[in-house]
Amino acid sequence: MSEGPKKDELEGTEAPFVSHLIELRDRLIRAVIAIAVAFGILAFFPGPSGLYDMLAAPLAAHLPNGSKLIATNVISPILVPLKITLMAAFMVALPVVLYQLWEMCIRDRVMVGDALVFEHERLIARMNQFFDRVESQLRQSLRAAAEAAGSPTPTVDAQALASATTALLVGRLQRYARSGFKRLPTEHLEPALQRLTS
């Protein structure tokens, strides 16, 4: 006997496709506006050439006497300072960009354990894998910082701090979901991070 068409395992676990696209569009527009505002501010102060001079100063200081930096392309003297300003604007606006990405994920109920209680096992496994990757990236960054600080056990220190930071992140996301998305995960975050890293 032939079976009927198989039902999609993840059916009902995601918002309709169009609402996802609308949410994505709105979040991208906000992120681009934040980058544009930061670019506008940096374009006036210190300006593209000012940013370029600040970044090139350490390199220029180590050049032999009488030598200077040269452009290898006709348009480089214009393009390089603009690219540096755009990159700096992205770095300045990065908190807003990451917040928009995070809000989109939270609103779609894919990041917190409590919201996933009745979801499909594969979706829960994917989120566990996501948090494992976050912890792994934190561990690598923290190990380099611990080595630079001269820690006698940089790997152990990095592992412990990465694990605690990830647990704090997951706990705050779960509290956010349990509160009906009212208690922001950033509530009293700075004192919590200070206690965690002290």
N, C-alpha and C. Protein backbone atom coordinates (compact mmCIF):
# COMPACT_ATOMS: atom_id res chain seq x y z
N MET A 1 0.83 -1.18 0.00
CA MET A 1 0.00 0.00 0.00
C MET A 1 0.87 1.24 0.00
N SER A 2 0.51 2.20 -0.79
CA SER A 2 1.29 3.44 -0.81
C SER A 2 0.79 4.39 0.27
N GLU A 3 1.73 5.01 0.89
CA GLU A 3 1.37 5.97 1.94
C GLU A 3 1.05 7.31 1.31
N GLY A 4 0.25 8.10 2.01
CA GLY A 4 -0.07 9.44 1.54
C GLY A 4 1.15 10.33 1.63
N PRO A 5 1.03 11.55 1.16
CA PRO A 5 2.18 12.47 1.24
C PRO A 5 2.59 12.69 2.69
N LYS A 6 3.90 12.70 2.89
CA LYS A 6 4.42 12.88 4.25
C LYS A 6 4.19 14.31 4.71
N LYS A 7 3.83 14.43 5.97
CA LYS A 7 3.62 15.74 6.57
C LYS A 7 4.97 16.35 6.93
N ASP A 8 5.12 17.63 6.70
CA ASP A 8 6.35 18.32 7.03
C ASP A 8 6.57 18.28 8.54
N GLU A 9 7.78 17.84 8.94
CA GLU A 9 8.08 17.69 10.37
C GLU A 9 8.03 19.01 11.12
N LEU A 10 8.40 20.10 10.45
CA LEU A 10 8.50 21.39 11.12
C LEU A 10 7.27 22.26 10.87
N GLU A 11 6.21 21.67 10.35
CA GLU A 11 5.02 22.45 10.04
C GLU A 11 4.44 23.04 11.33
N GLY A 12 4.13 24.32 11.28
CA GLY A 12 3.56 24.99 12.45
C GLY A 12 4.57 25.54 13.41
N THR A 13 5.87 25.30 13.17
CA THR A 13 6.89 25.81 14.09
C THR A 13 7.44 27.15 13.67
N GLU A 14 7.02 27.65 12.53
CA GLU A 14 7.54 28.94 12.07
C GLU A 14 6.39 29.83 11.64
N ALA A 15 6.66 31.10 11.66
CA ALA A 15 5.66 32.07 11.23
C ALA A 15 5.50 31.96 9.72
N PRO A 16 4.40 32.47 9.17
CA PRO A 16 4.22 32.44 7.72
C PRO A 16 5.39 33.13 7.01
N PHE A 17 5.69 32.66 5.83
CA PHE A 17 6.87 33.12 5.08
C PHE A 17 6.85 34.62 4.85
N VAL A 18 5.69 35.16 4.48
CA VAL A 18 5.61 36.60 4.18
C VAL A 18 5.90 37.43 5.42
N SER A 19 5.40 37.01 6.58
CA SER A 19 5.68 37.78 7.80
C SER A 19 7.16 37.75 8.14
N HIS A 20 7.83 36.63 7.83
CA HIS A 20 9.29 36.57 8.02
C HIS A 20 9.98 37.60 7.13
N LEU A 21 9.56 37.68 5.88
CA LEU A 21 10.17 38.62 4.95
C LEU A 21 9.94 40.06 5.36
N ILE A 22 8.73 40.36 5.84
CA ILE A 22 8.43 41.72 6.30
C ILE A 22 9.28 42.08 7.51
N GLU A 23 9.37 41.14 8.43
CA GLU A 23 10.20 41.36 9.63
C GLU A 23 11.66 41.56 9.24
N LEU A 24 12.16 40.73 8.33
CA LEU A 24 13.55 40.84 7.88
C LEU A 24 13.79 42.18 7.22
N ARG A 25 12.86 42.61 6.35
CA ARG A 25 13.00 43.89 5.68
C ARG A 25 13.07 45.04 6.68
N ASP A 26 12.15 45.05 7.66
CA ASP A 26 12.13 46.12 8.66
C ASP A 26 13.42 46.16 9.46
N ARG A 27 13.89 44.99 9.86
CA ARG A 27 15.13 44.93 10.66
C ARG A 27 16.34 45.37 9.85
N LEU A 28 16.39 44.97 8.57
CA LEU A 28 17.51 45.37 7.71
C LEU A 28 17.50 46.88 7.48
N ILE A 29 16.32 47.46 7.30
CA ILE A 29 16.23 48.91 7.09
C ILE A 29 16.75 49.64 8.32
N ARG A 30 16.35 49.18 9.51
CA ARG A 30 16.84 49.83 10.74
C ARG A 30 18.35 49.71 10.88
N ALA A 31 18.90 48.54 10.54
CA ALA A 31 20.34 48.34 10.63
C ALA A 31 21.08 49.24 9.63
N VAL A 32 20.56 49.35 8.42
CA VAL A 32 21.19 50.20 7.40
C VAL A 32 21.10 51.67 7.79
N ILE A 33 19.98 52.08 8.38
CA ILE A 33 19.85 53.46 8.85
C ILE A 33 20.90 53.74 9.93
N ALA A 34 21.09 52.81 10.85
CA ALA A 34 22.09 53.00 11.91
C ALA A 34 23.48 53.14 11.32
N ILE A 35 23.81 52.31 10.32
CA ILE A 35 25.13 52.41 9.67
C ILE A 35 25.26 53.73 8.93
N ALA A 36 24.20 54.17 8.25
CA ALA A 36 24.23 55.44 7.51
C ALA A 36 24.42 56.63 8.45
N VAL A 37 23.74 56.60 9.61
CA VAL A 37 23.90 57.69 10.58
C VAL A 37 25.34 57.72 11.10
N ALA A 38 25.87 56.53 11.45
CA ALA A 38 27.25 56.48 11.93
C ALA A 38 28.22 56.94 10.84
N PHE A 39 27.97 56.56 9.59
CA PHE A 39 28.82 56.99 8.48
C PHE A 39 28.77 58.50 8.32
N GLY A 40 27.56 59.08 8.41
CA GLY A 40 27.42 60.53 8.29
C GLY A 40 28.19 61.27 9.37
N ILE A 41 28.10 60.77 10.60
CA ILE A 41 28.83 61.41 11.70
C ILE A 41 30.34 61.29 11.50
N LEU A 42 30.79 60.08 11.14
CA LEU A 42 32.23 59.87 10.94
C LEU A 42 32.75 60.61 9.71
N ALA A 43 31.89 60.87 8.74
CA ALA A 43 32.32 61.61 7.54
C ALA A 43 32.63 63.07 7.87
N PHE A 44 31.96 63.60 8.90
CA PHE A 44 32.23 64.99 9.30
C PHE A 44 33.32 65.08 10.35
N PHE A 45 33.31 64.16 11.29
CA PHE A 45 34.35 64.16 12.31
C PHE A 45 34.73 62.75 12.65
N PRO A 46 35.92 62.31 12.48
CA PRO A 46 37.11 63.02 12.05
C PRO A 46 37.26 63.13 10.55
N GLY A 47 36.34 62.54 9.78
CA GLY A 47 36.42 62.60 8.33
C GLY A 47 37.16 61.39 7.79
N PRO A 48 36.92 61.03 6.52
CA PRO A 48 37.60 59.87 5.93
C PRO A 48 39.12 59.98 5.96
N SER A 49 39.65 61.15 5.62
CA SER A 49 41.11 61.28 5.62
C SER A 49 41.67 61.25 7.03
N GLY A 50 40.91 61.78 7.99
CA GLY A 50 41.35 61.74 9.39
C GLY A 50 41.42 60.31 9.91
N LEU A 51 40.41 59.49 9.60
CA LEU A 51 40.43 58.08 10.00
C LEU A 51 41.59 57.34 9.34
N TYR A 52 41.80 57.61 8.04
CA TYR A 52 42.90 56.97 7.32
C TYR A 52 44.24 57.35 7.96
N ASP A 53 44.40 58.64 8.29
CA ASP A 53 45.66 59.09 8.91
C ASP A 53 45.89 58.41 10.25
N MET A 54 44.80 58.25 11.04
CA MET A 54 44.94 57.59 12.35
C MET A 54 45.37 56.14 12.18
N LEU A 55 44.80 55.44 11.20
CA LEU A 55 45.16 54.04 11.00
C LEU A 55 46.54 53.88 10.35
N ALA A 56 46.93 54.83 9.52
CA ALA A 56 48.21 54.72 8.82
C ALA A 56 49.38 55.23 9.66
N ALA A 57 49.11 55.99 10.71
CA ALA A 57 50.19 56.60 11.51
C ALA A 57 51.18 55.57 12.07
N PRO A 58 50.72 54.46 12.69
CA PRO A 58 51.71 53.50 13.21
C PRO A 58 52.58 52.89 12.10
N LEU A 59 51.99 52.63 10.93
CA LEU A 59 52.77 52.07 9.82
C LEU A 59 53.75 53.11 9.28
N ALA A 60 53.28 54.33 9.13
CA ALA A 60 54.15 55.39 8.60
C ALA A 60 55.31 55.67 9.55
N ALA A 61 55.09 55.49 10.85
CA ALA A 61 56.15 55.74 11.82
C ALA A 61 57.28 54.73 11.69
N HIS A 62 56.99 53.54 11.18
CA HIS A 62 58.02 52.50 11.06
C HIS A 62 58.64 52.43 9.66
N LEU A 63 58.23 53.30 8.76
CA LEU A 63 58.84 53.34 7.43
C LEU A 63 60.22 53.98 7.52
N PRO A 64 61.12 53.61 6.63
CA PRO A 64 62.45 54.27 6.63
C PRO A 64 62.31 55.77 6.36
N ASN A 65 63.30 56.53 6.79
CA ASN A 65 63.28 57.99 6.60
C ASN A 65 63.18 58.34 5.13
N GLY A 66 62.33 59.30 4.83
CA GLY A 66 62.17 59.77 3.47
C GLY A 66 61.18 58.97 2.63
N SER A 67 60.68 57.86 3.16
CA SER A 67 59.72 57.08 2.38
C SER A 67 58.30 57.38 2.87
N LYS A 68 57.33 57.11 2.02
CA LYS A 68 55.94 57.38 2.38
C LYS A 68 55.04 56.33 1.75
N LEU A 69 53.81 56.28 2.22
CA LEU A 69 52.83 55.35 1.66
C LEU A 69 52.42 55.83 0.28
N ILE A 70 52.25 54.88 -0.66
CA ILE A 70 51.85 55.25 -2.01
C ILE A 70 50.55 54.53 -2.38
N ALA A 71 49.82 55.11 -3.30
CA ALA A 71 48.61 54.47 -3.83
C ALA A 71 49.01 53.58 -5.00
N THR A 72 48.45 52.37 -5.02
CA THR A 72 48.79 51.44 -6.10
C THR A 72 47.72 51.41 -7.18
N ASN A 73 46.69 52.20 -7.02
CA ASN A 73 45.60 52.24 -7.98
C ASN A 73 45.18 53.70 -8.16
N VAL A 74 44.64 54.04 -9.30
CA VAL A 74 44.29 55.43 -9.57
C VAL A 74 43.23 55.94 -8.60
N ILE A 75 42.26 55.11 -8.29
CA ILE A 75 41.14 55.55 -7.46
C ILE A 75 41.36 55.28 -5.97
N SER A 76 42.46 54.63 -5.62
CA SER A 76 42.74 54.28 -4.21
C SER A 76 42.73 55.47 -3.26
N PRO A 77 43.30 56.62 -3.61
CA PRO A 77 43.30 57.73 -2.66
C PRO A 77 41.89 58.19 -2.25
N ILE A 78 40.90 57.92 -3.09
CA ILE A 78 39.52 58.29 -2.77
C ILE A 78 38.80 57.12 -2.11
N LEU A 79 38.98 55.93 -2.67
CA LEU A 79 38.22 54.77 -2.23
C LEU A 79 38.65 54.25 -0.87
N VAL A 80 39.94 54.20 -0.59
CA VAL A 80 40.42 53.61 0.65
C VAL A 80 39.90 54.38 1.88
N PRO A 81 40.00 55.71 1.93
CA PRO A 81 39.43 56.41 3.08
C PRO A 81 37.91 56.21 3.22
N LEU A 82 37.19 56.14 2.10
CA LEU A 82 35.75 55.90 2.17
C LEU A 82 35.44 54.51 2.70
N LYS A 83 36.21 53.51 2.25
CA LYS A 83 36.02 52.15 2.75
C LYS A 83 36.31 52.08 4.25
N ILE A 84 37.36 52.75 4.67
CA ILE A 84 37.71 52.75 6.10
C ILE A 84 36.60 53.41 6.90
N THR A 85 36.05 54.51 6.40
CA THR A 85 34.96 55.19 7.10
C THR A 85 33.72 54.31 7.16
N LEU A 86 33.42 53.62 6.07
CA LEU A 86 32.26 52.72 6.06
C LEU A 86 32.46 51.56 7.03
N MET A 87 33.67 51.02 7.08
CA MET A 87 33.96 49.93 8.01
C MET A 87 33.87 50.41 9.46
N ALA A 88 34.37 51.61 9.71
CA ALA A 88 34.28 52.17 11.06
C ALA A 88 32.82 52.45 11.43
N ALA A 89 32.03 52.91 10.47
CA ALA A 89 30.60 53.15 10.72
C ALA A 89 29.90 51.85 11.06
N PHE A 90 30.26 50.77 10.36
CA PHE A 90 29.67 49.46 10.67
C PHE A 90 30.04 49.04 12.08
N MET A 91 31.29 49.26 12.47
CA MET A 91 31.72 48.88 13.82
C MET A 91 31.00 49.70 14.89
N VAL A 92 30.81 50.99 14.61
CA VAL A 92 30.10 51.85 15.56
C VAL A 92 28.64 51.42 15.67
N ALA A 93 28.03 51.05 14.54
CA ALA A 93 26.62 50.67 14.51
C ALA A 93 26.40 49.19 14.81
N LEU A 94 27.48 48.43 15.05
CA LEU A 94 27.35 47.00 15.26
C LEU A 94 26.40 46.62 16.40
N PRO A 95 26.39 47.31 17.53
CA PRO A 95 25.41 46.96 18.56
C PRO A 95 23.96 47.04 18.06
N VAL A 96 23.65 48.04 17.26
CA VAL A 96 22.29 48.18 16.71
C VAL A 96 22.02 47.06 15.73
N VAL A 97 22.99 46.73 14.88
CA VAL A 97 22.82 45.67 13.88
C VAL A 97 22.59 44.33 14.58
N LEU A 98 23.42 44.03 15.58
CA LEU A 98 23.26 42.77 16.31
C LEU A 98 21.94 42.73 17.07
N TYR A 99 21.53 43.87 17.63
CA TYR A 99 20.24 43.92 18.34
C TYR A 99 19.09 43.63 17.39
N GLN A 100 19.14 44.18 16.18
CA GLN A 100 18.08 43.93 15.20
C GLN A 100 18.03 42.45 14.82
N LEU A 101 19.19 41.85 14.61
CA LEU A 101 19.25 40.43 14.29
C LEU A 101 18.70 39.59 15.43
N TRP A 102 19.09 39.94 16.64
CA TRP A 102 18.67 39.19 17.82
C TRP A 102 17.16 39.33 18.03
N GLU A 103 16.63 40.54 17.89
CA GLU A 103 15.19 40.75 18.05
C GLU A 103 14.40 39.95 17.02
N MET A 104 14.92 39.88 15.80
CA MET A 104 14.21 39.11 14.78
C MET A 104 14.16 37.63 15.16
N CYS A 105 15.28 37.11 15.65
CA CYS A 105 15.31 35.70 16.04
C CYS A 105 14.41 35.44 17.24
N ILE A 106 14.42 36.33 18.22
CA ILE A 106 13.59 36.16 19.42
C ILE A 106 12.11 36.21 19.04
N ARG A 107 11.74 37.17 18.25
CA ARG A 107 10.32 37.32 17.89
C ARG A 107 9.81 36.09 17.16
N ASP A 108 10.70 35.39 16.46
CA ASP A 108 10.28 34.19 15.74
C ASP A 108 10.39 32.93 16.58
N ARG A 109 10.64 33.06 17.88
CA ARG A 109 10.64 31.97 18.83
C ARG A 109 11.62 30.86 18.50
N VAL A 110 12.80 31.21 18.04
CA VAL A 110 13.73 30.14 17.71
C VAL A 110 14.94 30.10 18.63
N MET A 111 15.05 31.00 19.60
CA MET A 111 16.30 31.08 20.34
C MET A 111 16.20 30.64 21.79
N VAL A 112 15.02 30.43 22.33
CA VAL A 112 14.93 30.15 23.76
C VAL A 112 14.32 28.79 24.03
N GLY A 113 14.85 28.14 25.05
CA GLY A 113 14.40 26.80 25.38
C GLY A 113 12.93 26.72 25.75
N ASP A 114 12.43 27.66 26.55
CA ASP A 114 11.04 27.59 26.97
C ASP A 114 10.09 27.70 25.80
N ALA A 115 10.44 28.50 24.82
CA ALA A 115 9.57 28.64 23.65
C ALA A 115 9.62 27.41 22.78
N LEU A 116 10.64 26.55 22.98
CA LEU A 116 10.80 25.38 22.13
C LEU A 116 10.30 24.10 22.79
N VAL A 117 9.64 24.20 23.94
CA VAL A 117 9.24 23.00 24.68
C VAL A 117 8.39 22.08 23.81
N PHE A 118 7.45 22.62 23.07
CA PHE A 118 6.57 21.79 22.27
C PHE A 118 6.97 21.77 20.79
N GLU A 119 8.16 22.19 20.48
CA GLU A 119 8.61 22.22 19.10
C GLU A 119 9.21 20.86 18.71
N HIS A 120 9.56 20.75 17.47
CA HIS A 120 10.12 19.52 16.94
C HIS A 120 11.54 19.31 17.46
N GLU A 121 11.92 18.05 17.63
CA GLU A 121 13.24 17.72 18.19
C GLU A 121 14.38 18.27 17.34
N ARG A 122 14.22 18.25 16.02
CA ARG A 122 15.29 18.74 15.14
C ARG A 122 15.54 20.22 15.36
N LEU A 123 14.49 21.00 15.59
CA LEU A 123 14.66 22.43 15.83
C LEU A 123 15.39 22.67 17.15
N ILE A 124 15.04 21.90 18.16
CA ILE A 124 15.72 22.02 19.45
C ILE A 124 17.20 21.63 19.30
N ALA A 125 17.46 20.57 18.54
CA ALA A 125 18.85 20.14 18.32
C ALA A 125 19.65 21.22 17.61
N ARG A 126 19.02 21.89 16.65
CA ARG A 126 19.71 22.98 15.93
C ARG A 126 20.05 24.13 16.87
N MET A 127 19.13 24.46 17.76
CA MET A 127 19.40 25.56 18.70
C MET A 127 20.49 25.18 19.69
N ASN A 128 20.51 23.92 20.13
CA ASN A 128 21.59 23.46 21.01
C ASN A 128 22.93 23.55 20.29
N GLN A 129 22.93 23.20 19.01
CA GLN A 129 24.15 23.30 18.21
C GLN A 129 24.58 24.77 18.07
N PHE A 130 23.61 25.67 17.91
CA PHE A 130 23.91 27.10 17.81
C PHE A 130 24.61 27.59 19.09
N PHE A 131 24.05 27.23 20.26
CA PHE A 131 24.65 27.69 21.51
C PHE A 131 26.01 27.03 21.75
N ASP A 132 26.20 25.80 21.29
CA ASP A 132 27.52 25.17 21.39
C ASP A 132 28.55 25.93 20.56
N ARG A 133 28.14 26.40 19.40
CA ARG A 133 29.06 27.17 18.55
C ARG A 133 29.37 28.53 19.17
N VAL A 134 28.36 29.16 19.77
CA VAL A 134 28.61 30.43 20.46
C VAL A 134 29.63 30.23 21.57
N GLU A 135 29.45 29.16 22.35
CA GLU A 135 30.39 28.88 23.44
C GLU A 135 31.79 28.59 22.92
N SER A 136 31.87 27.87 21.80
CA SER A 136 33.17 27.56 21.21
C SER A 136 33.88 28.83 20.74
N GLN A 137 33.15 29.73 20.11
CA GLN A 137 33.75 30.99 19.65
C GLN A 137 34.20 31.83 20.84
N LEU A 138 33.37 31.88 21.87
CA LEU A 138 33.75 32.62 23.08
C LEU A 138 35.02 32.03 23.69
N ARG A 139 35.08 30.71 23.74
CA ARG A 139 36.24 30.04 24.33
C ARG A 139 37.51 30.42 23.57
N GLN A 140 37.46 30.42 22.24
CA GLN A 140 38.64 30.76 21.45
C GLN A 140 39.08 32.20 21.70
N SER A 141 38.11 33.12 21.73
CA SER A 141 38.44 34.53 21.96
C SER A 141 38.99 34.74 23.36
N LEU A 142 38.37 34.10 24.34
CA LEU A 142 38.80 34.28 25.73
C LEU A 142 40.15 33.62 25.99
N ARG A 143 40.46 32.54 25.28
CA ARG A 143 41.77 31.91 25.46
C ARG A 143 42.87 32.85 24.99
N ALA A 144 42.65 33.52 23.84
CA ALA A 144 43.65 34.46 23.35
C ALA A 144 43.81 35.62 24.33
N ALA A 145 42.70 36.09 24.91
CA ALA A 145 42.78 37.18 25.89
C ALA A 145 43.49 36.72 27.15
N ALA A 146 43.24 35.49 27.59
CA ALA A 146 43.89 34.97 28.80
C ALA A 146 45.39 34.79 28.57
N GLU A 147 45.76 34.33 27.37
CA GLU A 147 47.19 34.19 27.06
C GLU A 147 47.87 35.55 27.04
N ALA A 148 47.19 36.55 26.47
CA ALA A 148 47.77 37.90 26.42
C ALA A 148 47.91 38.49 27.82
N ALA A 149 46.99 38.12 28.73
CA ALA A 149 47.06 38.63 30.10
C ALA A 149 48.07 37.86 30.94
N GLY A 150 48.66 36.79 30.38
CA GLY A 150 49.68 36.03 31.10
C GLY A 150 49.12 35.01 32.07
N SER A 151 47.93 34.50 31.82
CA SER A 151 47.32 33.50 32.69
C SER A 151 48.11 32.19 32.64
N PRO A 152 48.34 31.55 33.78
CA PRO A 152 49.07 30.28 33.76
C PRO A 152 48.24 29.14 33.16
N THR A 153 46.90 29.26 33.21
CA THR A 153 46.02 28.23 32.65
C THR A 153 44.99 28.88 31.73
N PRO A 154 45.42 29.38 30.56
CA PRO A 154 44.49 30.11 29.70
C PRO A 154 43.34 29.26 29.17
N THR A 155 43.60 27.97 28.88
CA THR A 155 42.53 27.11 28.34
C THR A 155 41.44 26.86 29.37
N VAL A 156 41.84 26.57 30.60
CA VAL A 156 40.86 26.31 31.67
C VAL A 156 40.08 27.58 31.98
N ASP A 157 40.77 28.72 32.08
CA ASP A 157 40.09 29.99 32.35
C ASP A 157 39.09 30.32 31.25
N ALA A 158 39.50 30.14 30.00
CA ALA A 158 38.63 30.45 28.86
C ALA A 158 37.41 29.53 28.85
N GLN A 159 37.62 28.22 29.13
CA GLN A 159 36.51 27.27 29.14
C GLN A 159 35.49 27.63 30.22
N ALA A 160 35.96 27.97 31.41
CA ALA A 160 35.05 28.28 32.51
C ALA A 160 34.26 29.56 32.22
N LEU A 161 34.94 30.58 31.74
CA LEU A 161 34.26 31.86 31.48
C LEU A 161 33.31 31.74 30.29
N ALA A 162 33.69 31.00 29.25
CA ALA A 162 32.81 30.82 28.09
C ALA A 162 31.56 30.05 28.49
N SER A 163 31.71 29.03 29.32
CA SER A 163 30.56 28.25 29.77
C SER A 163 29.62 29.10 30.62
N ALA A 164 30.18 29.88 31.53
CA ALA A 164 29.34 30.74 32.39
C ALA A 164 28.65 31.82 31.59
N THR A 165 29.35 32.41 30.61
CA THR A 165 28.76 33.46 29.79
C THR A 165 27.62 32.91 28.93
N THR A 166 27.82 31.73 28.35
CA THR A 166 26.77 31.11 27.54
C THR A 166 25.56 30.78 28.40
N ALA A 167 25.80 30.26 29.61
CA ALA A 167 24.69 29.95 30.52
C ALA A 167 23.92 31.23 30.89
N LEU A 168 24.65 32.32 31.10
CA LEU A 168 24.00 33.60 31.39
C LEU A 168 23.14 34.05 30.21
N LEU A 169 23.68 33.90 29.00
CA LEU A 169 22.94 34.28 27.79
C LEU A 169 21.66 33.46 27.64
N VAL A 170 21.77 32.14 27.79
CA VAL A 170 20.60 31.27 27.65
C VAL A 170 19.57 31.59 28.74
N GLY A 171 20.04 31.79 29.97
CA GLY A 171 19.12 32.11 31.06
C GLY A 171 18.38 33.41 30.83
N ARG A 172 19.07 34.41 30.34
CA ARG A 172 18.41 35.69 30.09
C ARG A 172 17.40 35.59 28.94
N LEU A 173 17.73 34.81 27.93
CA LEU A 173 16.78 34.61 26.84
C LEU A 173 15.54 33.84 27.32
N GLN A 174 15.75 32.85 28.17
CA GLN A 174 14.61 32.11 28.71
C GLN A 174 13.74 33.01 29.59
N ARG A 175 14.36 33.85 30.40
CA ARG A 175 13.59 34.77 31.24
C ARG A 175 12.79 35.74 30.37
N TYR A 176 13.40 36.17 29.27
CA TYR A 176 12.72 37.07 28.34
C TYR A 176 11.47 36.41 27.76
N ALA A 177 11.58 35.14 27.39
CA ALA A 177 10.43 34.42 26.84
C ALA A 177 9.37 34.18 27.91
N ARG A 178 9.79 33.79 29.12
CA ARG A 178 8.83 33.52 30.20
C ARG A 178 8.05 34.76 30.62
N SER A 179 8.69 35.94 30.48
CA SER A 179 8.02 37.18 30.89
C SER A 179 7.09 37.71 29.80
N GLY A 180 6.89 36.93 28.75
CA GLY A 180 6.05 37.40 27.65
C GLY A 180 6.74 38.48 26.84
N PHE A 181 8.07 38.39 26.74
CA PHE A 181 8.90 39.34 25.99
C PHE A 181 8.80 40.75 26.57
N LYS A 182 8.71 40.84 27.91
CA LYS A 182 8.65 42.15 28.58
C LYS A 182 9.96 42.48 29.29
N ARG A 183 10.54 41.52 30.01
CA ARG A 183 11.81 41.77 30.73
C ARG A 183 12.97 41.56 29.76
N LEU A 184 13.57 42.65 29.36
CA LEU A 184 14.64 42.58 28.35
C LEU A 184 15.84 41.80 28.87
N PRO A 185 16.50 41.05 27.99
CA PRO A 185 17.70 40.32 28.41
C PRO A 185 18.84 41.25 28.82
N THR A 186 18.78 42.51 28.41
CA THR A 186 19.84 43.46 28.75
C THR A 186 19.62 44.11 30.10
N GLU A 187 18.53 43.77 30.79
CA GLU A 187 18.22 44.35 32.09
C GLU A 187 19.31 43.97 33.10
N HIS A 188 19.96 44.97 33.69
CA HIS A 188 21.04 44.78 34.67
C HIS A 188 22.16 43.88 34.12
N LEU A 189 22.41 43.97 32.84
CA LEU A 189 23.41 43.11 32.21
C LEU A 189 24.83 43.49 32.60
N GLU A 190 25.11 44.79 32.67
CA GLU A 190 26.48 45.22 32.96
C GLU A 190 26.96 44.75 34.33
N PRO A 191 26.17 44.94 35.42
CA PRO A 191 26.64 44.43 36.72
C PRO A 191 26.81 42.90 36.71
N ALA A 192 25.92 42.19 35.99
CA ALA A 192 26.04 40.73 35.93
C ALA A 192 27.34 40.32 35.23
N LEU A 193 27.67 41.00 34.14
CA LEU A 193 28.91 40.67 33.43
C LEU A 193 30.14 41.04 34.26
N GLN A 194 30.06 42.15 35.00
CA GLN A 194 31.18 42.53 35.85
C GLN A 194 31.43 41.49 36.94
N ARG A 195 30.35 41.00 37.55
CA ARG A 195 30.52 39.96 38.57
C ARG A 195 31.05 38.68 37.95
N LEU A 196 30.60 38.37 36.75
CA LEU A 196 31.02 37.15 36.08
C LEU A 196 32.51 37.18 35.73
N THR A 197 32.99 38.34 35.29
CA THR A 197 34.39 38.44 34.85
C THR A 197 35.35 38.84 35.94
N SER A 198 34.83 39.19 37.14
CA SER A 198 35.75 39.62 38.21
C SER A 198 36.39 38.43 38.90
